[in-house]
């Protein structure tokens, strides 16, 4: 159960981080530069592509969170049976 809780905590952290990034995108005006870090290099990225990437990432993280929460509930149920 501890491993699943650790995974859940990490996913929640990733969710908050990506939601903050999405919020920052909303503050930017059209045409303002957006950069993506690739290794040690900052690369200019298209705003719409960056927004789509963050939206996809948020969707995936929410799905993983849902699975982790279901797994925790399942494991706790099994633990109570013992």
PDB file of N, CA and C in Angstrom:
ATOM      1  N   UNK A   1       0.835  -1.194   0.000  1.00  0.00           N
ATOM      2  CA  UNK A   1       0.000   0.000   0.000  1.00  0.00           C
ATOM      3  C   UNK A   1       0.876   1.254   0.000  1.00  0.00           C
ATOM      4  N   UNK A   2       1.996   1.209   0.718  1.00  0.00           N
ATOM      5  CA  UNK A   2       2.875   2.379   0.815  1.00  0.00           C
ATOM      6  C   UNK A   2       3.377   2.800  -0.564  1.00  0.00           C
ATOM      7  N   UNK A   3       3.711   1.839  -1.397  1.00  0.00           N
ATOM      8  CA  UNK A   3       4.208   2.140  -2.744  1.00  0.00           C
ATOM      9  C   UNK A   3       3.136   2.879  -3.556  1.00  0.00           C
ATOM     10  N   UNK A   4       1.891   2.437  -3.434  1.00  0.00           N
ATOM     11  CA  UNK A   4       0.794   3.071  -4.158  1.00  0.00           C
ATOM     12  C   UNK A   4       0.548   4.485  -3.610  1.00  0.00           C
ATOM     13  N   UNK A   5       0.645   4.672  -2.287  1.00  0.00           N
ATOM     14  CA  UNK A   5       0.498   5.999  -1.688  1.00  0.00           C
ATOM     15  C   UNK A   5       1.597   6.941  -2.187  1.00  0.00           C
ATOM     16  N   UNK A   6       2.832   6.428  -2.268  1.00  0.00           N
ATOM     17  CA  UNK A   6       3.934   7.248  -2.775  1.00  0.00           C
ATOM     18  C   UNK A   6       3.673   7.667  -4.220  1.00  0.00           C
ATOM     19  N   UNK A   7       3.175   6.732  -5.022  1.00  0.00           N
ATOM     20  CA  UNK A   7       2.841   7.019  -6.409  1.00  0.00           C
ATOM     21  C   UNK A   7       1.734   8.078  -6.479  1.00  0.00           C
ATOM     22  N   UNK A   8       0.728   7.938  -5.617  1.00  0.00           N
ATOM     23  CA  UNK A   8      -0.384   8.888  -5.565  1.00  0.00           C
ATOM     24  C   UNK A   8       0.119  10.290  -5.220  1.00  0.00           C
ATOM     25  N   UNK A   9       1.003  10.383  -4.257  1.00  0.00           N
ATOM     26  CA  UNK A   9       1.571  11.673  -3.849  1.00  0.00           C
ATOM     27  C   UNK A   9       2.343  12.310  -5.000  1.00  0.00           C
ATOM     28  N   UNK A  10       3.113  11.509  -5.695  1.00  0.00           N
ATOM     29  CA  UNK A  10       3.881  12.012  -6.834  1.00  0.00           C
ATOM     30  C   UNK A  10       2.942  12.505  -7.943  1.00  0.00           C
ATOM     31  N   UNK A  11       1.890  11.769  -8.210  1.00  0.00           N
ATOM     32  CA  UNK A  11       0.932  12.168  -9.234  1.00  0.00           C
ATOM     33  C   UNK A  11       0.224  13.464  -8.853  1.00  0.00           C
ATOM     34  N   UNK A  12      -0.127  13.607  -7.576  1.00  0.00           N
ATOM     35  CA  UNK A  12      -0.778  14.836  -7.120  1.00  0.00           C
ATOM     36  C   UNK A  12       0.150  16.037  -7.300  1.00  0.00           C
ATOM     37  N   UNK A  13       1.424  15.838  -7.035  1.00  0.00           N
ATOM     38  CA  UNK A  13       2.413  16.891  -7.215  1.00  0.00           C
ATOM     39  C   UNK A  13       2.529  17.270  -8.693  1.00  0.00           C
ATOM     40  N   UNK A  14       2.576  16.272  -9.563  1.00  0.00           N
ATOM     41  CA  UNK A  14       2.650  16.524 -11.002  1.00  0.00           C
ATOM     42  C   UNK A  14       1.393  17.247 -11.488  1.00  0.00           C
ATOM     43  N   UNK A  15       0.252  16.878 -10.953  1.00  0.00           N
ATOM     44  CA  UNK A  15      -1.002  17.524 -11.333  1.00  0.00           C
ATOM     45  C   UNK A  15      -0.969  19.007 -10.965  1.00  0.00           C
ATOM     46  N   UNK A  16      -0.571  19.316  -9.735  1.00  0.00           N
ATOM     47  CA  UNK A  16      -0.488  20.716  -9.292  1.00  0.00           C
ATOM     48  C   UNK A  16       0.482  21.512 -10.173  1.00  0.00           C
ATOM     49  N   UNK A  17       1.623  20.915 -10.467  1.00  0.00           N
ATOM     50  CA  UNK A  17       2.635  21.586 -11.283  1.00  0.00           C
ATOM     51  C   UNK A  17       2.082  21.906 -12.680  1.00  0.00           C
ATOM     52  N   UNK A  18       1.432  20.943 -13.295  1.00  0.00           N
ATOM     53  CA  UNK A  18       0.899  21.150 -14.634  1.00  0.00           C
ATOM     54  C   UNK A  18      -0.283  22.112 -14.637  1.00  0.00           C
ATOM     55  N   UNK A  19      -1.079  22.118 -13.569  1.00  0.00           N
ATOM     56  CA  UNK A  19      -2.167  23.091 -13.462  1.00  0.00           C
ATOM     57  C   UNK A  19      -1.608  24.505 -13.322  1.00  0.00           C
ATOM     58  N   UNK A  20      -0.481  24.646 -12.619  1.00  0.00           N
ATOM     59  CA  UNK A  20       0.166  25.954 -12.504  1.00  0.00           C
ATOM     60  C   UNK A  20       0.672  26.413 -13.871  1.00  0.00           C
ATOM     61  N   UNK A  21       1.257  25.501 -14.631  1.00  0.00           N
ATOM     62  CA  UNK A  21       1.747  25.838 -15.970  1.00  0.00           C
ATOM     63  C   UNK A  21       0.586  26.291 -16.844  1.00  0.00           C
ATOM     64  N   UNK A  22      -0.530  25.572 -16.785  1.00  0.00           N
ATOM     65  CA  UNK A  22      -1.709  25.942 -17.572  1.00  0.00           C
ATOM     66  C   UNK A  22      -2.194  27.338 -17.165  1.00  0.00           C
ATOM     67  N   UNK A  23      -2.182  27.631 -15.883  1.00  0.00           N
ATOM     68  CA  UNK A  23      -2.570  28.952 -15.399  1.00  0.00           C
ATOM     69  C   UNK A  23      -1.638  30.038 -15.909  1.00  0.00           C
ATOM     70  N   UNK A  24      -0.353  29.751 -15.980  1.00  0.00           N
ATOM     71  CA  UNK A  24       0.608  30.720 -16.501  1.00  0.00           C
ATOM     72  C   UNK A  24       0.371  30.973 -17.981  1.00  0.00           C
ATOM     73  N   UNK A  25      -0.004  29.933 -18.722  1.00  0.00           N
ATOM     74  CA  UNK A  25      -0.311  30.105 -20.151  1.00  0.00           C
ATOM     75  C   UNK A  25      -1.464  31.088 -20.331  1.00  0.00           C
ATOM     76  N   UNK A  26      -2.447  31.023 -19.444  1.00  0.00           N
ATOM     77  CA  UNK A  26      -3.614  31.897 -19.551  1.00  0.00           C
ATOM     78  C   UNK A  26      -3.245  33.366 -19.322  1.00  0.00           C
ATOM     79  N   UNK A  27      -2.164  33.597 -18.573  1.00  0.00           N
ATOM     80  CA  UNK A  27      -1.728  34.968 -18.304  1.00  0.00           C
ATOM     81  C   UNK A  27      -0.952  35.560 -19.485  1.00  0.00           C
ATOM     82  N   UNK A  28      -0.401  34.685 -20.326  1.00  0.00           N
ATOM     83  CA  UNK A  28       0.403  35.158 -21.452  1.00  0.00           C
ATOM     84  C   UNK A  28      -0.477  35.677 -22.573  1.00  0.00           C
ATOM     85  N   UNK A  29       0.006  36.703 -23.241  1.00  0.00           N
ATOM     86  CA  UNK A  29      -0.693  37.217 -24.403  1.00  0.00           C
ATOM     87  C   UNK A  29      -0.298  36.422 -25.633  1.00  0.00           C
ATOM     88  N   UNK A  30      -1.102  36.544 -26.686  1.00  0.00           N
ATOM     89  CA  UNK A  30      -0.778  35.857 -27.937  1.00  0.00           C
ATOM     90  C   UNK A  30       0.537  36.397 -28.476  1.00  0.00           C
ATOM     91  N   UNK A  31       1.337  35.517 -28.994  1.00  0.00           N
ATOM     92  CA  UNK A  31       2.599  35.915 -29.598  1.00  0.00           C
ATOM     93  C   UNK A  31       3.758  35.993 -28.630  1.00  0.00           C
ATOM     94  N   UNK A  32       3.486  35.834 -27.345  1.00  0.00           N
ATOM     95  CA  UNK A  32       4.591  35.842 -26.380  1.00  0.00           C
ATOM     96  C   UNK A  32       5.325  34.513 -26.464  1.00  0.00           C
ATOM     97  N   UNK A  33       6.639  34.541 -26.294  1.00  0.00           N
ATOM     98  CA  UNK A  33       7.414  33.302 -26.457  1.00  0.00           C
ATOM     99  C   UNK A  33       7.205  32.323 -25.298  1.00  0.00           C
ATOM    100  N   UNK A  34       7.203  31.050 -25.660  1.00  0.00           N
ATOM    101  CA  UNK A  34       7.117  29.958 -24.687  1.00  0.00           C
ATOM    102  C   UNK A  34       8.310  29.055 -24.945  1.00  0.00           C
ATOM    103  N   UNK A  35       9.005  28.693 -23.896  1.00  0.00           N
ATOM    104  CA  UNK A  35      10.187  27.852 -24.042  1.00  0.00           C
ATOM    105  C   UNK A  35       9.972  26.520 -23.347  1.00  0.00           C
ATOM    106  N   UNK A  36      10.616  25.512 -23.897  1.00  0.00           N
ATOM    107  CA  UNK A  36      10.571  24.164 -23.329  1.00  0.00           C
ATOM    108  C   UNK A  36      12.003  23.751 -23.044  1.00  0.00           C
ATOM    109  N   UNK A  37      12.216  23.183 -21.868  1.00  0.00           N
ATOM    110  CA  UNK A  37      13.555  22.745 -21.519  1.00  0.00           C
ATOM    111  C   UNK A  37      13.778  21.323 -22.026  1.00  0.00           C
ATOM    112  N   UNK A  38      14.778  21.167 -22.845  1.00  0.00           N
ATOM    113  CA  UNK A  38      15.164  19.851 -23.355  1.00  0.00           C
ATOM    114  C   UNK A  38      16.610  19.643 -22.925  1.00  0.00           C
ATOM    115  N   UNK A  39      16.779  18.812 -21.890  1.00  0.00           N
ATOM    116  CA  UNK A  39      18.117  18.654 -21.314  1.00  0.00           C
ATOM    117  C   UNK A  39      18.539  19.993 -20.727  1.00  0.00           C
ATOM    118  N   UNK A  40      19.741  20.449 -21.047  1.00  0.00           N
ATOM    119  CA  UNK A  40      20.214  21.733 -20.518  1.00  0.00           C
ATOM    120  C   UNK A  40      19.856  22.934 -21.413  1.00  0.00           C
ATOM    121  N   UNK A  41      19.054  22.701 -22.468  1.00  0.00           N
ATOM    122  CA  UNK A  41      18.787  23.735 -23.455  1.00  0.00           C
ATOM    123  C   UNK A  41      17.321  24.184 -23.407  1.00  0.00           C
ATOM    124  N   UNK A  42      17.111  25.499 -23.502  1.00  0.00           N
ATOM    125  CA  UNK A  42      15.760  26.056 -23.599  1.00  0.00           C
ATOM    126  C   UNK A  42      15.451  26.240 -25.085  1.00  0.00           C
ATOM    127  N   UNK A  43      14.359  25.614 -25.554  1.00  0.00           N
ATOM    128  CA  UNK A  43      13.990  25.654 -26.964  1.00  0.00           C
ATOM    129  C   UNK A  43      12.651  26.369 -27.101  1.00  0.00           C
ATOM    130  N   UNK A  44      12.580  27.286 -28.061  1.00  0.00           N
ATOM    131  CA  UNK A  44      11.336  28.002 -28.323  1.00  0.00           C
ATOM    132  C   UNK A  44      10.279  27.004 -28.787  1.00  0.00           C
ATOM    133  N   UNK A  45       9.063  27.138 -28.259  1.00  0.00           N
ATOM    134  CA  UNK A  45       7.978  26.219 -28.596  1.00  0.00           C
ATOM    135  C   UNK A  45       6.735  27.021 -28.960  1.00  0.00           C
ATOM    136  N   UNK A  46       5.980  26.517 -29.899  1.00  0.00           N
ATOM    137  CA  UNK A  46       4.726  27.143 -30.304  1.00  0.00           C
ATOM    138  C   UNK A  46       3.744  27.105 -29.133  1.00  0.00           C
ATOM    139  N   UNK A  47       3.068  28.226 -28.878  1.00  0.00           N
ATOM    140  CA  UNK A  47       2.140  28.327 -27.740  1.00  0.00           C
ATOM    141  C   UNK A  47       1.040  27.276 -27.818  1.00  0.00           C
ATOM    142  N   UNK A  48       0.416  27.106 -28.980  1.00  0.00           N
ATOM    143  CA  UNK A  48      -0.688  26.147 -29.087  1.00  0.00           C
ATOM    144  C   UNK A  48      -0.196  24.721 -28.863  1.00  0.00           C
ATOM    145  N   UNK A  49       1.002  24.417 -29.333  1.00  0.00           N
ATOM    146  CA  UNK A  49       1.577  23.085 -29.110  1.00  0.00           C
ATOM    147  C   UNK A  49       1.858  22.865 -27.630  1.00  0.00           C
ATOM    148  N   UNK A  50       2.373  23.893 -26.974  1.00  0.00           N
ATOM    149  CA  UNK A  50       2.667  23.791 -25.542  1.00  0.00           C
ATOM    150  C   UNK A  50       1.383  23.582 -24.741  1.00  0.00           C
ATOM    151  N   UNK A  51       0.323  24.324 -25.101  1.00  0.00           N
ATOM    152  CA  UNK A  51      -0.957  24.171 -24.399  1.00  0.00           C
ATOM    153  C   UNK A  51      -1.527  22.769 -24.599  1.00  0.00           C
ATOM    154  N   UNK A  52      -1.449  22.249 -25.832  1.00  0.00           N
ATOM    155  CA  UNK A  52      -1.950  20.902 -26.103  1.00  0.00           C
ATOM    156  C   UNK A  52      -1.173  19.855 -25.313  1.00  0.00           C
ATOM    157  N   UNK A  53       0.137  20.049 -25.218  1.00  0.00           N
ATOM    158  CA  UNK A  53       0.977  19.110 -24.470  1.00  0.00           C
ATOM    159  C   UNK A  53       0.585  19.090 -23.004  1.00  0.00           C
ATOM    160  N   UNK A  54       0.387  20.262 -22.417  1.00  0.00           N
ATOM    161  CA  UNK A  54       0.016  20.349 -21.003  1.00  0.00           C
ATOM    162  C   UNK A  54      -1.378  19.765 -20.781  1.00  0.00           C
ATOM    163  N   UNK A  55      -2.313  20.053 -21.693  1.00  0.00           N
ATOM    164  CA  UNK A  55      -3.665  19.494 -21.568  1.00  0.00           C
ATOM    165  C   UNK A  55      -3.634  17.968 -21.624  1.00  0.00           C
ATOM    166  N   UNK A  56      -2.850  17.414 -22.555  1.00  0.00           N
ATOM    167  CA  UNK A  56      -2.724  15.954 -22.660  1.00  0.00           C
ATOM    168  C   UNK A  56      -2.108  15.375 -21.397  1.00  0.00           C
ATOM    169  N   UNK A  57      -1.083  16.063 -20.901  1.00  0.00           N
ATOM    170  CA  UNK A  57      -0.408  15.598 -19.691  1.00  0.00           C
ATOM    171  C   UNK A  57      -1.372  15.606 -18.507  1.00  0.00           C
ATOM    172  N   UNK A  58      -2.174  16.666 -18.386  1.00  0.00           N
ATOM    173  CA  UNK A  58      -3.162  16.740 -17.305  1.00  0.00           C
ATOM    174  C   UNK A  58      -4.172  15.600 -17.402  1.00  0.00           C
ATOM    175  N   UNK A  59      -4.612  15.315 -18.612  1.00  0.00           N
ATOM    176  CA  UNK A  59      -5.562  14.220 -18.821  1.00  0.00           C
ATOM    177  C   UNK A  59      -4.957  12.877 -18.390  1.00  0.00           C
ATOM    178  N   UNK A  60      -3.716  12.644 -18.776  1.00  0.00           N
ATOM    179  CA  UNK A  60      -3.048  11.392 -18.408  1.00  0.00           C
ATOM    180  C   UNK A  60      -2.843  11.287 -16.896  1.00  0.00           C
ATOM    181  N   UNK A  61      -2.421  12.381 -16.288  1.00  0.00           N
ATOM    182  CA  UNK A  61      -2.180  12.372 -14.842  1.00  0.00           C
ATOM    183  C   UNK A  61      -3.482  12.116 -14.087  1.00  0.00           C
ATOM    184  N   UNK A  62      -4.568  12.744 -14.522  1.00  0.00           N
ATOM    185  CA  UNK A  62      -5.867  12.519 -13.859  1.00  0.00           C
ATOM    186  C   UNK A  62      -6.297  11.062 -13.979  1.00  0.00           C
ATOM    187  N   UNK A  63      -6.052  10.457 -15.134  1.00  0.00           N
ATOM    188  CA  UNK A  63      -6.366   9.038 -15.312  1.00  0.00           C
ATOM    189  C   UNK A  63      -5.547   8.161 -14.376  1.00  0.00           C
ATOM    190  N   UNK A  64      -4.259   8.461 -14.276  1.00  0.00           N
ATOM    191  CA  UNK A  64      -3.381   7.699 -13.382  1.00  0.00           C
ATOM    192  C   UNK A  64      -3.785   7.895 -11.922  1.00  0.00           C
ATOM    193  N   UNK A  65      -4.173   9.124 -11.563  1.00  0.00           N
ATOM    194  CA  UNK A  65      -4.639   9.389 -10.199  1.00  0.00           C
ATOM    195  C   UNK A  65      -5.875   8.556  -9.876  1.00  0.00           C
ATOM    196  N   UNK A  66      -6.791   8.504 -10.808  1.00  0.00           N
ATOM    197  CA  UNK A  66      -8.013   7.732 -10.611  1.00  0.00           C
ATOM    198  C   UNK A  66      -7.689   6.255 -10.405  1.00  0.00           C
ATOM    199  N   UNK A  67      -6.786   5.729 -11.213  1.00  0.00           N
ATOM    200  CA  UNK A  67      -6.385   4.316 -11.071  1.00  0.00           C
ATOM    201  C   UNK A  67      -5.699   4.069  -9.731  1.00  0.00           C
ATOM    202  N   UNK A  68      -4.826   5.001  -9.327  1.00  0.00           N
ATOM    203  CA  UNK A  68      -4.117   4.847  -8.057  1.00  0.00           C
ATOM    204  C   UNK A  68      -5.091   4.887  -6.878  1.00  0.00           C
ATOM    205  N   UNK A  69      -6.060   5.804  -6.941  1.00  0.00           N
ATOM    206  CA  UNK A  69      -7.045   5.897  -5.857  1.00  0.00           C
ATOM    207  C   UNK A  69      -7.897   4.630  -5.788  1.00  0.00           C
ATOM    208  N   UNK A  70      -8.253   4.091  -6.940  1.00  0.00           N
ATOM    209  CA  UNK A  70      -9.023   2.839  -6.968  1.00  0.00           C
ATOM    210  C   UNK A  70      -8.199   1.699  -6.385  1.00  0.00           C
ATOM    211  N   UNK A  71      -6.923   1.679  -6.727  1.00  0.00           N
ATOM    212  CA  UNK A  71      -6.029   0.624  -6.222  1.00  0.00           C
ATOM    213  C   UNK A  71      -5.890   0.711  -4.707  1.00  0.00           C
ATOM    214  N   UNK A  72      -5.773   1.923  -4.187  1.00  0.00           N
ATOM    215  CA  UNK A  72      -5.663   2.105  -2.734  1.00  0.00           C
ATOM    216  C   UNK A  72      -6.932   1.616  -2.048  1.00  0.00           C
ATOM    217  N   UNK A  73      -8.080   1.982  -2.600  1.00  0.00           N
ATOM    218  CA  UNK A  73      -9.360   1.535  -2.031  1.00  0.00           C
ATOM    219  C   UNK A  73      -9.436   0.017  -2.037  1.00  0.00           C
ATOM    220  N   UNK A  74      -9.017  -0.581  -3.145  1.00  0.00           N
ATOM    221  CA  UNK A  74      -9.024  -2.047  -3.268  1.00  0.00           C
ATOM    222  C   UNK A  74      -8.102  -2.690  -2.233  1.00  0.00           C
ATOM    223  N   UNK A  75      -6.896  -2.151  -2.099  1.00  0.00           N
ATOM    224  CA  UNK A  75      -5.932  -2.716  -1.141  1.00  0.00           C
ATOM    225  C   UNK A  75      -6.396  -2.533   0.302  1.00  0.00           C
ATOM    226  N   UNK A  76      -7.011  -1.391   0.595  1.00  0.00           N
ATOM    227  CA  UNK A  76      -7.516  -1.169   1.952  1.00  0.00           C
ATOM    228  C   UNK A  76      -8.649  -2.138   2.266  1.00  0.00           C
ATOM    229  N   UNK A  77      -9.484  -2.425   1.273  1.00  0.00           N
ATOM    230  CA  UNK A  77     -10.562  -3.399   1.468  1.00  0.00           C
ATOM    231  C   UNK A  77     -10.022  -4.782   1.768  1.00  0.00           C
ATOM    232  N   UNK A  78      -8.985  -5.165   1.037  1.00  0.00           N
ATOM    233  CA  UNK A  78      -8.369  -6.464   1.263  1.00  0.00           C
ATOM    234  C   UNK A  78      -7.700  -6.519   2.622  1.00  0.00           C
ATOM    235  N   UNK A  79      -7.095  -5.382   3.027  1.00  0.00           N
ATOM    236  CA  UNK A  79      -6.418  -5.313   4.323  1.00  0.00           C
ATOM    237  C   UNK A  79      -7.436  -5.461   5.455  1.00  0.00           C
ATOM    238  N   UNK A  80      -8.619  -4.863   5.287  1.00  0.00           N
ATOM    239  CA  UNK A  80      -9.652  -4.951   6.323  1.00  0.00           C
ATOM    240  C   UNK A  80     -10.193  -6.380   6.446  1.00  0.00           C
ATOM    241  N   UNK A  81     -10.185  -7.121   5.347  1.00  0.00           N
ATOM    242  CA  UNK A  81     -10.658  -8.512   5.381  1.00  0.00           C
ATOM    243  C   UNK A  81      -9.743  -9.395   6.213  1.00  0.00           C
ATOM    244  N   UNK A  82      -8.490  -9.011   6.270  1.00  0.00           N
ATOM    245  CA  UNK A  82      -7.492  -9.826   6.994  1.00  0.00           C
ATOM    246  C   UNK A  82      -7.573  -9.654   8.463  1.00  0.00           C
TER     247      UNK A  82
END
